[in-house]
Protein backbone atom coordinates (compact mmCIF):
# COMPACT_ATOMS: atom_id res chain seq x y z
CA MET A 1 -0.46 -0.23 -0.24
CA ALA A 2 2.25 2.79 -0.69
CA ALA A 3 1.77 5.81 -0.92
CA ALA A 4 1.58 8.56 -3.78
CA ASN A 5 2.14 12.07 -2.07
CA GLU A 6 1.49 15.35 -4.08
CA GLY A 7 1.16 17.39 -1.40
CA PHE A 8 -1.60 18.75 0.02
CA ARG A 9 -5.14 19.39 -0.53
CA MET A 10 -6.24 22.75 -0.79
CA SER A 11 -9.10 22.94 1.57
CA THR A 12 -12.88 23.84 -0.25
CA HIS A 13 -14.09 24.53 3.26
CA HIS A 14 -13.39 28.56 3.81
CA ASP A 15 -13.52 29.59 7.19
CA PRO A 16 -12.46 33.36 7.73
CA ARG A 17 -10.62 33.29 11.32
CA VAL A 18 -8.32 31.19 9.64
CA ARG A 19 -5.92 32.40 6.69
CA ILE A 20 -2.55 30.72 4.89
CA ILE A 21 -0.13 32.41 4.81
CA GLY A 22 2.86 30.56 3.95
CA ARG A 23 3.71 26.41 3.11
CA ARG A 24 6.45 25.05 3.03
CA THR A 25 7.63 21.78 2.38
CA LEU A 26 10.06 19.63 5.23
CA TRP A 27 9.84 16.02 3.57
CA ASP A 28 8.41 14.37 0.53
CA GLY A 29 8.69 10.91 0.09
CA PHE A 30 6.64 8.22 1.64
CA ILE A 31 5.04 11.17 3.81
CA HIS A 32 4.73 14.63 2.64
CA LEU A 33 5.76 16.98 5.76
CA GLU A 34 4.92 20.93 5.58
CA GLU A 35 5.63 24.28 7.17
CA VAL A 36 1.91 25.66 7.48
CA THR A 37 2.63 29.33 8.69
CA LEU A 38 -1.21 30.80 9.21
CA GLU A 39 -3.04 33.61 10.91
CA GLN A 40 -5.64 32.64 13.36
CA ASP A 41 -8.50 35.57 14.27
CA MET A 42 -8.21 35.06 18.31
CA SER A 43 -11.66 34.82 20.58
CA ASN A 44 -9.51 37.32 22.13
CA GLY A 45 -10.05 39.91 19.56
CA MET A 46 -6.18 39.35 18.56
CA THR A 47 -4.93 38.21 15.61
CA ALA A 48 -1.70 35.38 15.70
CA THR A 49 0.82 33.75 13.46
CA LEU A 50 1.12 30.45 13.66
CA LYS A 51 3.69 27.74 12.61
CA ARG A 52 2.41 24.03 12.63
CA GLU A 53 3.83 20.51 11.07
CA VAL A 54 1.60 18.67 9.08
CA HIS A 55 2.37 15.31 8.31
CA ASP A 56 0.51 14.15 5.24
CA HIS A 57 0.21 10.44 3.89
CA GLY A 58 -3.15 10.11 2.55
CA SER A 59 -6.20 8.99 3.64
CA ALA A 60 -7.25 5.50 4.70
CA ALA A 61 -10.33 3.03 5.29
CA THR A 62 -10.72 0.08 7.93
CA ILE A 63 -13.10 -2.04 8.65
CA LEU A 64 -13.89 -5.01 10.59
CA LEU A 65 -14.42 -8.53 9.70
CA VAL A 66 -17.28 -10.19 11.02
CA ASP A 67 -18.29 -14.04 11.21
CA ALA A 68 -22.08 -13.97 12.54
CA LYS A 69 -22.52 -17.71 12.59
CA ARG A 70 -19.45 -17.85 14.92
CA GLN A 71 -19.64 -14.41 16.26
CA SER A 72 -16.36 -14.13 15.85
CA VAL A 73 -14.18 -10.92 14.47
CA VAL A 74 -10.66 -11.31 12.09
CA LEU A 75 -8.55 -9.08 12.99
CA VAL A 76 -4.83 -9.01 12.16
CA ARG A 77 -1.10 -9.04 13.84
CA GLN A 78 1.59 -6.99 12.68
CA LEU A 79 4.89 -5.31 13.14
CA ARG A 80 4.44 -1.60 13.91
CA VAL A 81 8.02 0.27 14.42
CA PRO A 82 7.04 3.61 16.22
CA VAL A 83 5.49 1.27 18.93
CA LEU A 84 8.08 -0.68 19.01
CA LEU A 85 10.08 3.30 19.83
CA GLN A 86 7.88 3.82 22.60
CA GLY A 87 9.16 0.64 24.27
CA ASP A 88 5.59 -1.30 24.01
CA GLU A 89 4.61 -4.73 22.65
CA ALA A 90 5.91 -3.91 18.76
CA TYR A 91 3.37 -6.49 17.07
CA MET A 92 0.26 -4.94 17.46
CA ILE A 93 -3.24 -6.66 16.83
CA GLU A 94 -5.23 -5.00 14.19
CA ALA A 95 -8.63 -4.32 11.91
CA VAL A 96 -7.51 -4.65 8.46
CA ALA A 97 -6.60 -1.56 7.22
CA GLY A 98 -4.74 0.46 4.44
CA LEU A 99 -4.34 3.31 2.34
CA LEU A 100 -6.42 4.53 -0.20
CA ASP A 101 -4.00 4.75 -2.95
CA ASP A 102 -6.19 6.76 -5.49
CA ASP A 103 -9.03 4.13 -5.01
CA THR A 104 -12.03 5.10 -2.97
CA PRO A 105 -12.53 3.88 0.45
CA GLU A 106 -15.04 0.66 -0.76
CA VAL A 107 -12.60 -0.20 -3.38
CA ALA A 108 -9.42 -0.06 -1.01
CA ILE A 109 -10.57 -2.11 1.66
CA ALA A 110 -11.55 -4.93 -0.46
CA ARG A 111 -8.20 -5.25 -1.38
CA GLU A 112 -7.14 -4.64 1.55
CA ALA A 113 -9.12 -7.25 3.09
CA LEU A 114 -7.92 -9.45 0.87
CA GLU A 115 -4.17 -8.40 1.01
CA GLU A 116 -4.04 -9.32 4.73
CA THR A 117 -5.92 -11.89 5.03
CA GLY A 118 -7.00 -13.75 2.39
CA TYR A 119 -10.92 -12.84 2.99
CA HIS A 120 -13.32 -11.63 0.16
CA VAL A 121 -15.45 -8.95 1.13
CA GLU A 122 -18.55 -7.49 -0.99
CA GLY A 123 -20.52 -5.01 0.01
CA ALA A 124 -19.60 -3.81 3.39
CA THR A 125 -21.45 -1.12 5.48
CA HIS A 126 -19.81 2.55 5.77
CA LEU A 127 -20.55 3.30 9.01
CA PHE A 128 -18.81 6.66 9.68
CA ASP A 129 -15.29 8.46 9.04
CA ALA A 130 -12.91 9.88 11.55
CA TYR A 131 -9.86 12.28 11.71
CA MET A 132 -7.12 9.56 13.39
CA SER A 133 -5.14 13.12 14.72
CA PRO A 134 -5.83 16.25 13.47
CA GLY A 135 -3.36 18.18 16.01
CA ALA A 136 -1.13 16.67 13.41
CA LEU A 137 -2.28 14.20 10.58
CA THR A 138 -3.97 15.39 7.53
CA GLU A 139 -5.16 11.46 7.68
CA ARG A 140 -9.13 10.58 7.20
CA THR A 141 -9.98 7.38 7.33
CA SER A 142 -13.49 5.65 6.72
CA PHE A 143 -15.22 2.56 8.91
CA PHE A 144 -16.33 -0.31 7.60
CA VAL A 145 -17.67 -3.51 8.62
CA GLY A 146 -17.76 -6.95 6.82
CA HIS A 147 -19.84 -10.15 6.85
CA ILE A 148 -17.65 -12.98 6.18
CA ASP A 149 -17.40 -17.27 6.33
CA VAL A 150 -14.37 -17.77 8.30
CA THR A 151 -14.24 -20.94 6.56
CA GLU A 152 -14.05 -19.48 2.57
CA LYS A 153 -10.66 -17.98 2.01
CA ARG A 154 -9.84 -16.59 -1.41
CA GLY A 155 -6.41 -16.25 -0.50
CA ASP A 156 -3.39 -16.94 1.57
CA GLY A 157 -3.66 -13.48 2.72
CA GLY A 158 -0.24 -12.19 5.10
CA GLY A 159 0.25 -9.18 3.59
CA LEU A 160 2.79 -8.15 0.60
CA ALA A 161 6.03 -9.65 0.59
CA HIS A 162 7.88 -6.92 -1.40
CA GLU A 163 6.15 -3.68 1.06
CA GLY A 164 7.64 -6.10 3.72
CA GLU A 165 4.49 -7.06 5.18
CA ASP A 166 4.64 -10.23 7.02
CA ILE A 167 1.22 -10.37 8.44
CA GLU A 168 -0.60 -13.05 11.56
CA VAL A 169 -4.39 -14.23 10.78
CA LEU A 170 -6.40 -14.21 13.75
CA GLU A 171 -10.17 -15.21 14.81
CA ILE A 172 -11.11 -14.18 18.31
CA PRO A 173 -14.22 -14.43 19.48
CA LEU A 174 -16.70 -10.94 19.81
CA ASP A 175 -16.21 -11.54 23.91
CA ARG A 176 -13.09 -12.34 24.28
CA ALA A 177 -11.72 -9.23 21.37
CA PHE A 178 -13.84 -6.91 23.90
CA ALA A 179 -12.33 -8.17 26.90
CA MET A 180 -9.13 -7.37 25.44
CA ILE A 181 -9.77 -3.40 24.64
CA ALA A 182 -9.63 -3.53 28.65
CA THR A 183 -5.90 -5.36 29.18
CA GLY A 184 -4.29 -3.50 27.12
CA GLU A 185 -4.07 -6.56 24.58
CA ILE A 186 -5.76 -4.50 21.89
CA CYS A 187 -4.65 -0.65 22.34
CA ASP A 188 -5.07 0.38 18.86
CA ALA A 189 -6.95 3.20 18.09
CA LYS A 190 -8.71 2.13 14.87
CA THR A 191 -9.86 -1.13 16.09
CA ILE A 192 -11.24 0.15 19.23
CA MET A 193 -13.46 2.25 17.51
CA LEU A 194 -14.80 -1.04 15.47
CA LEU A 195 -15.05 -2.80 18.37
CA GLN A 196 -16.70 -0.50 20.36
CA TRP A 197 -19.85 0.14 17.40
CA ALA A 198 -20.05 -3.76 17.52
CA LYS A 199 -20.41 -3.96 21.19
CA LEU A 200 -23.26 -1.07 20.52
CA ASN A 201 -25.19 -2.41 17.64
CA ARG A 202 -24.62 -6.56 18.70
CA ASN A 203 -28.14 -7.26 17.80
CA GLU A 204 -26.76 -6.32 14.04
CA LEU A 205 -24.15 -8.77 14.38
CA SER A 206 -26.41 -12.06 14.95
CA GLY A 207 -25.79 -14.67 12.66
């Protein structure tokens, strides 16, 4: 899921309280890092000049794969280097996710589900969109739920070897997955959000 960065998209929403007066690229590789200078009209009547560093690697999609008959979810476990640098468990349990790479969220998440888990998903249900870290990232993530039969895989999953992915596929009972949030075994934000949605909407996941 290579990122294709062409700089930030200009906002179509105009807020007269904020004016961008300068932009400077600091790094342009897998990510695009930009320093943005802006003026903000403050609530005290003053105008402040601010500088912010903004990280862009594109928007993303994520999906909770549910087997309603078995009342289980399919998650993945993979290496996350920033988590390793924090001194936490380097291999995180997560919902399937990936960058859009110029596809629609629906197309992208079906692609990622097949690549990472081997399950083919048709007709995934869009739940909501959310900014994952709006203080620094432009990434907006589209959240989905998709129904699968865990006995019917279309591929091996495991991710793309040429991108260095080595992904373990896990089937976890729903109740166990809920409990893993409290124990800290699941500490990925998007996965917690999807599991909380599942807990609130358990009746929609009945077999």
